Amino acid sequence: MPKPVDFGGKPFHFVGIGGIGMSALAYVLTQRGIPVSGSDLRLSHITQRLQDAGAHIFWSQAAENLAFFGDPDSGIALDTHDRLPQVICSTAINKNNPEYRTAQKLGCPIFHRSDVLAGLMAQYRSIAVAGTHGKTTTSSMISYALLKAGVDPTVVIGGEVAAWQGNARLGGSDWFVAEADESDGSLLKFSPTIGVITNIELDHIDHYQTLDAVVTTFQQFARQADVLLASADCPTIRRTLNPTITYSLEADRGADYWADQIVYGGNGTQAQIWERGTCLGTLNLSVLGHHNLSNALAAIAIGRYLQQPFDVLAAGLATFDGARRRFELRGNQGGVLFIDDYAHHPSEIRATLAAAVYSGNLSTAKRPRYSESWRFFNPTDIAAPLPF
């Protein structure tokens, strides 16, 4: 059995602390009063936030960064291992990294970032958001809605949200919201109270050769969750999983939560929300597109499972303005609007382009025709022409 991560005050050293996933964990640990150090190659607003929180950061990745824990050149470890830091790496760190090699020589406990996340989640009632697309926005919406409802969760996500000025926050309740990353299979380290799966598609082909391999990973994750919430709009989910709770943008899917009377526009989206045959009320979103309405349905379903009133959840989501680099407005120059979006998979690009079409047609935006899943829209299916 692997050695568990120690959260009792033993220091942590993050190799590549400025990464979006690493920095979120480092921030939560600093907020818990645990000594944190790390290395990165450049100063950024993320590393500045960590420094402000009390983390010590080295501006290179070098063996000397661990020298104060012992003498790496002597081959002699310290008399006691209590001072040795727990060294945290991501998949991006290879075994030739000088800090990794030094940590091995000193006998430091070495963990993958997912080990730290799994250890933290095990201390809470947890909500782990998985799926090929939409994890960051969905986990951000869930966190934001719960925060506005007074649940006060701890949050570790892969994007920055203005409400907590970054990619993580330490909450005061026993709920923890995090992304569960399938790219390297590390989501299988999590056994959440509530698992969320937004969709399943072949991606990360350096790790998965077939869709069946991806499905197998998500099926195991589903078995490890006490409760599974999943989108009924994804054909692969419908074919391969049996969720506890489902949500959909189609009333005839038979989902537990669905939306109708949907109006997409340049200033956001409006829809009527249903819960198992009962109309809950109207939801207004300032974020654009069908994909964000689907993400919001997942947030509503989670909130309702936690017995939060719909009007409180809807009021919170109405003020959610998105995560950074998710259809983020960067400026307007010479009448040209500049949008920054993280979308990189073909299905994500289609959804982003569809949202752009809505924003460019304030009075004529119509609901697109469905294929099988909201993630597989073709923007040419929209009545209004593409703006290029």
Protein backbone atom coordinates (compact mmCIF):
# COMPACT_ATOMS: atom_id res chain seq x y z
CA MET A 1 0.00 0.00 0.00
CA PRO A 2 1.44 3.44 -0.89
CA LYS A 3 2.44 5.75 1.93
CA PRO A 4 -0.37 8.24 2.65
CA VAL A 5 0.13 11.96 2.24
CA ASP A 6 0.77 13.69 5.58
CA PHE A 7 -1.37 16.78 6.21
CA GLY A 8 -0.32 17.13 9.84
CA GLY A 9 2.21 19.91 9.27
CA LYS A 10 4.97 18.13 7.33
CA PRO A 11 6.19 20.51 4.57
CA PHE A 12 5.34 20.20 0.90
CA HIS A 13 7.57 21.08 -2.05
CA PHE A 14 5.88 21.39 -5.48
CA VAL A 15 8.03 20.88 -8.58
CA GLY A 16 6.37 23.28 -11.04
CA ILE A 17 4.22 25.03 -8.45
CA GLY A 18 2.84 27.57 -10.94
CA GLY A 19 0.87 25.00 -12.94
CA ILE A 20 -2.89 25.38 -12.81
CA GLY A 21 -3.44 22.09 -10.98
CA MET A 22 -0.38 22.25 -8.74
CA SER A 23 -0.97 25.84 -7.64
CA ALA A 24 -4.53 25.12 -6.56
CA LEU A 25 -3.38 22.40 -4.18
CA ALA A 26 -0.49 24.52 -2.92
CA TYR A 27 -2.87 27.38 -2.17
CA VAL A 28 -5.25 25.25 -0.11
CA LEU A 29 -2.33 23.82 1.86
CA THR A 30 -0.94 27.28 2.64
CA GLN A 31 -4.39 28.36 3.81
CA ARG A 32 -4.40 25.38 6.17
CA GLY A 33 -1.15 26.63 7.70
CA ILE A 34 1.07 23.91 6.21
CA PRO A 35 4.59 24.95 5.08
CA VAL A 36 4.73 25.05 1.26
CA SER A 37 7.64 25.66 -1.08
CA GLY A 38 7.97 25.12 -4.79
CA SER A 39 9.79 25.94 -7.96
CA ASP A 40 8.76 27.54 -11.21
CA LEU A 41 10.47 29.12 -14.18
CA ARG A 42 8.74 32.49 -14.13
CA LEU A 43 6.75 34.89 -12.03
CA SER A 44 3.02 35.02 -12.75
CA HIS A 45 -0.09 36.26 -11.04
CA ILE A 46 -0.61 32.67 -9.88
CA THR A 47 2.79 32.39 -8.22
CA GLN A 48 2.39 35.90 -6.80
CA ARG A 49 -0.83 34.81 -5.12
CA LEU A 50 0.99 31.81 -3.65
CA GLN A 51 3.80 34.01 -2.37
CA ASP A 52 1.27 36.37 -0.81
CA ALA A 53 -0.28 33.35 0.89
CA GLY A 54 3.07 32.37 2.39
CA ALA A 55 4.60 29.88 -0.04
CA HIS A 56 8.36 30.07 -0.70
CA ILE A 57 9.10 29.88 -4.43
CA PHE A 58 12.41 29.26 -6.20
CA TRP A 59 12.72 30.68 -9.73
CA SER A 60 14.48 27.68 -11.24
CA GLN A 61 14.22 23.93 -10.94
CA ALA A 62 17.52 22.92 -9.39
CA ALA A 63 18.91 20.44 -6.91
CA GLU A 64 19.93 23.32 -4.66
CA ASN A 65 16.27 24.05 -3.95
CA LEU A 66 16.20 20.99 -1.70
CA ALA A 67 19.71 21.44 -0.30
CA PHE A 68 18.48 23.02 2.93
CA PHE A 69 16.79 19.72 3.78
CA GLY A 70 20.12 17.85 3.67
CA ASP A 71 23.29 17.55 1.63
CA PRO A 72 22.41 15.94 -1.72
CA ASP A 73 26.08 15.63 -2.70
CA SER A 74 27.15 13.77 0.43
CA GLY A 75 24.68 10.95 0.02
CA ILE A 76 23.93 11.30 3.73
CA ALA A 77 20.32 11.84 4.68
CA LEU A 78 19.29 13.78 7.75
CA ASP A 79 19.23 12.00 11.11
CA THR A 80 15.48 12.46 11.13
CA HIS A 81 13.13 12.44 8.18
CA ASP A 82 10.68 14.77 9.90
CA ARG A 83 12.15 17.78 8.10
CA LEU A 84 12.19 16.18 4.67
CA PRO A 85 9.48 17.70 2.50
CA GLN A 86 6.86 15.75 0.67
CA VAL A 87 7.74 16.38 -2.96
CA ILE A 88 4.82 16.78 -5.33
CA CYS A 89 5.07 16.29 -9.09
CA SER A 90 2.63 16.35 -11.97
CA THR A 91 2.63 14.10 -15.01
CA ALA A 92 4.63 16.80 -16.82
CA ILE A 93 7.67 16.27 -14.54
CA ASN A 94 10.02 13.58 -15.81
CA LYS A 95 12.41 11.46 -13.77
CA ASN A 96 15.44 13.41 -15.00
CA ASN A 97 14.24 16.61 -13.35
CA PRO A 98 17.02 17.74 -10.95
CA GLU A 99 14.63 18.30 -8.06
CA TYR A 100 13.01 14.91 -8.59
CA ARG A 101 16.43 13.20 -8.60
CA THR A 102 17.50 15.07 -5.48
CA ALA A 103 14.27 14.16 -3.70
CA GLN A 104 14.95 10.51 -4.47
CA LYS A 105 18.52 10.79 -3.15
CA LEU A 106 17.39 12.46 0.07
CA GLY A 107 14.65 9.91 0.60
CA CYS A 108 11.82 12.41 0.40
CA PRO A 109 8.31 11.02 0.02
CA ILE A 110 7.35 11.70 -3.62
CA PHE A 111 3.72 11.96 -4.69
CA HIS A 112 1.79 12.76 -7.84
CA ARG A 113 -0.45 15.81 -7.54
CA SER A 114 -3.50 13.52 -7.77
CA ASP A 115 -2.36 11.74 -4.60
CA VAL A 116 -2.51 15.04 -2.73
CA LEU A 117 -5.93 15.85 -4.19
CA ALA A 118 -7.24 12.38 -3.30
CA GLY A 119 -5.91 12.75 0.23
CA LEU A 120 -7.59 16.12 0.68
CA MET A 121 -10.87 14.89 -0.78
CA ALA A 122 -10.91 11.96 1.62
CA GLN A 123 -11.11 14.44 4.51
CA TYR A 124 -14.37 15.94 3.21
CA ARG A 125 -17.66 15.07 1.63
CA SER A 126 -16.55 15.50 -1.94
CA ILE A 127 -17.94 16.36 -5.37
CA ALA A 128 -15.62 15.24 -8.17
CA VAL A 129 -16.42 16.55 -11.65
CA ALA A 130 -15.23 14.35 -14.51
CA GLY A 131 -15.87 14.25 -18.24
CA THR A 132 -14.02 14.77 -21.49
CA HIS A 133 -15.25 18.35 -21.79
CA GLY A 134 -16.69 20.97 -19.46
CA LYS A 135 -15.06 19.96 -16.17
CA THR A 136 -13.71 23.39 -15.28
CA THR A 137 -16.87 25.35 -15.98
CA THR A 138 -19.15 22.74 -14.38
CA SER A 139 -17.04 22.49 -11.22
CA SER A 140 -16.83 26.30 -11.11
CA MET A 141 -20.60 26.62 -11.42
CA ILE A 142 -21.20 24.00 -8.74
CA SER A 143 -18.74 25.69 -6.40
CA TYR A 144 -20.16 29.16 -7.08
CA ALA A 145 -23.79 28.10 -6.64
CA LEU A 146 -22.99 26.34 -3.37
CA LEU A 147 -20.96 29.31 -2.14
CA LYS A 148 -23.82 31.70 -2.90
CA ALA A 149 -26.20 29.31 -1.14
CA GLY A 150 -24.08 29.45 2.01
CA VAL A 151 -22.58 25.96 1.77
CA ASP A 152 -19.01 27.39 1.74
CA PRO A 153 -17.10 24.58 -0.02
CA THR A 154 -13.37 24.11 -0.40
CA VAL A 155 -12.57 24.31 -4.11
CA VAL A 156 -9.73 22.97 -6.28
CA ILE A 157 -10.32 23.45 -10.01
CA GLY A 158 -8.42 23.82 -13.26
CA GLY A 159 -9.40 27.40 -13.99
CA GLU A 160 -9.53 30.77 -12.30
CA VAL A 161 -12.78 32.29 -11.06
CA ALA A 162 -13.11 35.93 -10.06
CA ALA A 163 -15.36 35.14 -7.07
CA TRP A 164 -12.44 33.57 -5.19
CA GLN A 165 -9.69 35.31 -7.17
CA GLY A 166 -8.03 32.17 -8.42
CA ASN A 167 -8.31 28.44 -8.93
CA ALA A 168 -8.81 27.41 -5.29
CA ARG A 169 -10.34 28.46 -2.01
CA LEU A 170 -10.43 27.03 1.50
CA GLY A 171 -14.01 26.80 2.69
CA GLY A 172 -15.49 26.41 6.13
CA SER A 173 -17.83 23.49 5.49
CA ASP A 174 -17.23 19.77 5.07
CA TRP A 175 -17.86 19.91 1.29
CA PHE A 176 -15.04 19.82 -1.26
CA VAL A 177 -15.44 20.40 -5.02
CA ALA A 178 -12.72 19.35 -7.45
CA GLU A 179 -12.07 18.33 -11.01
CA ALA A 180 -11.28 14.68 -11.68
CA ASP A 181 -8.82 14.51 -14.55
CA GLU A 182 -9.10 11.55 -16.91
CA SER A 183 -6.15 12.55 -19.11
CA ASP A 184 -3.72 10.22 -17.32
CA GLY A 185 -6.24 8.01 -15.53
CA SER A 186 -5.63 9.68 -12.17
CA LEU A 187 -9.35 10.19 -11.53
CA LEU A 188 -9.41 6.54 -10.45
CA LYS A 189 -7.69 7.61 -7.23
CA PHE A 190 -10.89 9.39 -6.16
CA SER A 191 -13.89 7.88 -4.37
CA PRO A 192 -16.19 10.90 -4.13
CA THR A 193 -19.44 11.32 -2.30
CA ILE A 194 -20.88 12.62 -5.58
CA GLY A 195 -19.29 11.92 -8.95
CA VAL A 196 -20.26 14.01 -11.96
CA ILE A 197 -19.67 12.97 -15.59
CA THR A 198 -20.45 15.63 -18.18
CA ASN A 199 -19.73 13.55 -21.30
CA ILE A 200 -17.44 10.84 -22.64
CA GLU A 201 -15.49 11.11 -25.88
CA LEU A 202 -12.13 9.90 -27.14
CA ASP A 203 -9.43 12.36 -26.13
CA HIS A 204 -5.86 12.27 -24.79
CA ILE A 205 -4.85 9.65 -27.33
CA ASP A 206 -1.36 9.52 -25.82
CA HIS A 207 -3.00 7.67 -22.92
CA TYR A 208 -6.09 6.12 -24.55
CA GLN A 209 -6.06 4.36 -27.90
CA THR A 210 -9.80 3.68 -28.13
CA LEU A 211 -13.09 5.07 -26.88
CA ASP A 212 -13.65 1.75 -25.08
CA ALA A 213 -10.54 2.42 -23.00
CA VAL A 214 -11.91 5.83 -22.02
CA VAL A 215 -15.28 4.28 -21.17
CA THR A 216 -13.64 1.66 -18.95
CA THR A 217 -11.94 4.40 -16.93
CA PHE A 218 -15.18 6.33 -16.46
CA GLN A 219 -17.07 3.16 -15.53
CA GLN A 220 -14.58 2.48 -12.74
CA PHE A 221 -14.84 6.08 -11.55
CA ALA A 222 -18.64 5.72 -11.53
CA ARG A 223 -18.40 2.60 -9.36
CA GLN A 224 -16.22 4.46 -6.87
CA ALA A 225 -18.73 7.30 -6.40
CA ASP A 226 -21.47 6.97 -3.80
CA VAL A 227 -23.83 8.92 -6.09
CA LEU A 228 -23.35 9.47 -9.83
CA LEU A 229 -24.76 12.49 -11.68
CA ALA A 230 -24.39 12.39 -15.46
CA SER A 231 -25.66 14.01 -18.65
CA ALA A 232 -28.31 12.03 -20.51
CA ASP A 233 -27.48 14.02 -23.65
CA CYS A 234 -24.25 12.08 -24.18
CA PRO A 235 -24.92 8.88 -26.17
CA THR A 236 -21.89 7.14 -24.68
CA ILE A 237 -23.13 7.81 -21.14
CA ARG A 238 -26.59 6.51 -22.05
CA ARG A 239 -25.06 3.36 -23.54
CA THR A 240 -22.46 2.54 -20.89
CA LEU A 241 -23.45 3.99 -17.52
CA ASN A 242 -26.37 3.83 -15.11
CA PRO A 243 -26.30 7.18 -13.26
CA THR A 244 -28.15 7.81 -10.02
CA ILE A 245 -29.28 11.25 -11.25
CA THR A 246 -29.43 12.55 -14.83
CA TYR A 247 -29.82 15.92 -16.54
CA SER A 248 -30.61 16.90 -20.10
CA LEU A 249 -31.45 19.75 -22.44
CA GLU A 250 -34.17 17.56 -23.98
CA ALA A 251 -37.46 16.94 -22.19
CA ASP A 252 -37.96 13.57 -23.89
CA ARG A 253 -34.72 12.06 -22.58
CA GLY A 254 -36.45 11.01 -19.36
CA ALA A 255 -33.83 12.77 -17.22
CA ASP A 256 -34.36 13.86 -13.63
CA TYR A 257 -33.55 17.49 -14.54
CA TRP A 258 -34.20 19.14 -17.88
CA ALA A 259 -34.71 22.51 -19.50
CA ASP A 260 -37.27 23.82 -21.95
CA GLN A 261 -38.48 27.17 -23.31
CA ILE A 262 -34.82 27.90 -23.97
CA VAL A 263 -33.85 31.28 -25.38
CA TYR A 264 -30.22 31.88 -26.34
CA GLY A 265 -29.00 35.43 -26.81
CA GLY A 266 -25.99 37.65 -26.88
CA ASN A 267 -26.44 38.61 -23.23
CA GLY A 268 -26.96 35.09 -21.94
CA THR A 269 -29.46 32.27 -21.80
CA GLN A 270 -32.90 31.86 -20.29
CA ALA A 271 -34.65 28.55 -19.67
CA GLN A 272 -37.39 26.93 -17.65
CA ILE A 273 -36.01 24.21 -15.36
CA TRP A 274 -37.80 21.00 -14.45
CA GLU A 275 -37.16 18.51 -11.66
CA ARG A 276 -38.79 15.09 -12.05
CA GLY A 277 -41.92 16.54 -13.62
CA THR A 278 -42.15 19.64 -11.43
CA CYS A 279 -41.32 23.05 -12.84
CA LEU A 280 -38.79 24.68 -10.52
CA GLY A 281 -38.78 28.06 -12.21
CA THR A 282 -36.78 30.19 -14.62
CA LEU A 283 -32.99 30.22 -14.86
CA ASN A 284 -31.14 33.20 -16.33
CA LEU A 285 -27.44 32.85 -17.17
CA SER A 286 -25.01 35.52 -18.28
CA VAL A 287 -22.66 32.93 -19.78
CA LEU A 288 -23.40 31.97 -23.38
CA GLY A 289 -24.33 28.83 -25.24
CA HIS A 290 -26.06 25.50 -24.92
CA HIS A 291 -23.00 23.90 -23.29
CA ASN A 292 -23.13 26.36 -20.39
CA LEU A 293 -26.84 25.72 -19.88
CA SER A 294 -26.01 22.02 -19.63
CA ASN A 295 -23.25 22.79 -17.14
CA ALA A 296 -25.68 24.89 -15.10
CA LEU A 297 -28.18 22.01 -15.02
CA ALA A 298 -25.50 19.86 -13.40
CA ALA A 299 -24.93 22.58 -10.79
CA ILE A 300 -28.66 22.81 -10.09
CA ALA A 301 -28.92 19.03 -9.73
CA ILE A 302 -26.05 19.02 -7.22
CA GLY A 303 -27.55 21.92 -5.28
CA ARG A 304 -30.94 20.26 -5.12
CA TYR A 305 -29.33 17.00 -3.95
CA LEU A 306 -27.83 19.06 -1.13
CA GLN A 307 -31.37 20.32 -0.39
CA GLN A 308 -30.80 23.90 -1.52
CA PRO A 309 -33.82 25.93 -2.73
CA PHE A 310 -33.98 26.42 -6.50
CA ASP A 311 -34.48 30.17 -6.26
CA VAL A 312 -31.27 30.49 -4.23
CA LEU A 313 -29.33 28.37 -6.72
CA ALA A 314 -30.79 30.26 -9.69
CA ALA A 315 -29.99 33.62 -8.12
CA GLY A 316 -26.40 32.55 -7.60
CA LEU A 317 -25.93 31.15 -11.10
CA ALA A 318 -27.42 34.32 -12.60
CA THR A 319 -24.36 36.23 -11.35
CA PHE A 320 -21.78 33.65 -12.45
CA ASP A 321 -19.66 35.26 -15.18
CA GLY A 322 -17.52 32.29 -16.11
CA ALA A 323 -14.07 30.93 -15.52
CA ARG A 324 -10.99 32.54 -17.02
CA ARG A 325 -10.27 31.56 -20.64
CA ARG A 326 -13.75 30.09 -21.07
CA PHE A 327 -15.24 32.42 -23.70
CA GLU A 328 -13.54 35.27 -21.89
CA LEU A 329 -13.94 38.75 -23.37
CA ARG A 330 -10.46 40.27 -23.67
CA GLY A 331 -11.29 43.54 -25.41
CA ASN A 332 -12.64 45.40 -28.40
CA GLN A 333 -10.37 47.02 -30.95
CA GLY A 334 -11.55 48.70 -34.14
CA GLY A 335 -14.97 47.11 -33.84
CA VAL A 336 -13.47 43.61 -33.51
CA LEU A 337 -14.35 41.67 -30.38
CA PHE A 338 -11.53 39.51 -28.98
CA ILE A 339 -12.53 36.33 -27.14
CA ASP A 340 -10.12 33.97 -25.37
CA ASP A 341 -11.25 30.37 -25.04
CA TYR A 342 -9.46 27.20 -23.92
CA ALA A 343 -11.37 24.99 -26.38
CA HIS A 344 -8.96 22.70 -28.24
CA HIS A 345 -10.88 19.49 -28.96
CA PRO A 346 -13.07 19.59 -32.12
CA SER A 347 -16.26 19.15 -30.08
CA GLU A 348 -15.25 21.97 -27.74
CA ILE A 349 -14.46 24.23 -30.68
CA ARG A 350 -17.90 23.53 -32.18
CA ALA A 351 -19.61 24.44 -28.90
CA THR A 352 -17.54 27.63 -28.60
CA LEU A 353 -18.32 28.67 -32.18
CA ALA A 354 -21.99 28.01 -31.54
CA ALA A 355 -21.86 30.32 -28.51
CA ALA A 356 -20.16 32.94 -30.68
CA VAL A 357 -23.01 32.69 -33.17
CA TYR A 358 -25.52 33.36 -30.39
CA SER A 359 -23.58 36.38 -29.18
CA GLY A 360 -23.48 37.84 -32.67
CA ASN A 361 -27.23 37.54 -33.25
CA LEU A 362 -28.95 39.14 -30.31
CA SER A 363 -32.50 39.05 -31.61
CA THR A 364 -32.42 36.00 -33.87
CA ALA A 365 -30.52 33.42 -31.83
CA LYS A 366 -32.41 30.14 -31.98
CA ARG A 367 -32.00 26.79 -30.43
CA PRO A 368 -29.77 24.54 -32.56
CA ARG A 369 -30.99 21.24 -33.90
CA TYR A 370 -29.75 18.33 -31.83
CA SER A 371 -27.73 15.43 -33.07
CA GLU A 372 -27.04 13.05 -30.20
CA SER A 373 -25.21 15.15 -27.64
CA TRP A 374 -24.87 18.83 -26.87
CA ARG A 375 -21.11 18.45 -27.26
CA PHE A 376 -21.44 17.37 -30.87
CA PHE A 377 -23.19 20.39 -32.36
CA ASN A 378 -22.16 21.66 -35.74
CA PRO A 379 -22.39 25.48 -35.81
CA THR A 380 -23.78 25.31 -39.34
CA ASP A 381 -26.94 23.76 -37.87
CA ILE A 382 -27.82 27.14 -36.38
CA ALA A 383 -30.30 29.21 -38.32
CA ALA A 384 -28.14 32.34 -38.34
CA PRO A 385 -25.02 32.24 -40.55
CA LEU A 386 -21.55 32.08 -39.08
CA PRO A 387 -19.94 35.52 -38.81
CA PHE A 388 -17.00 34.64 -41.08
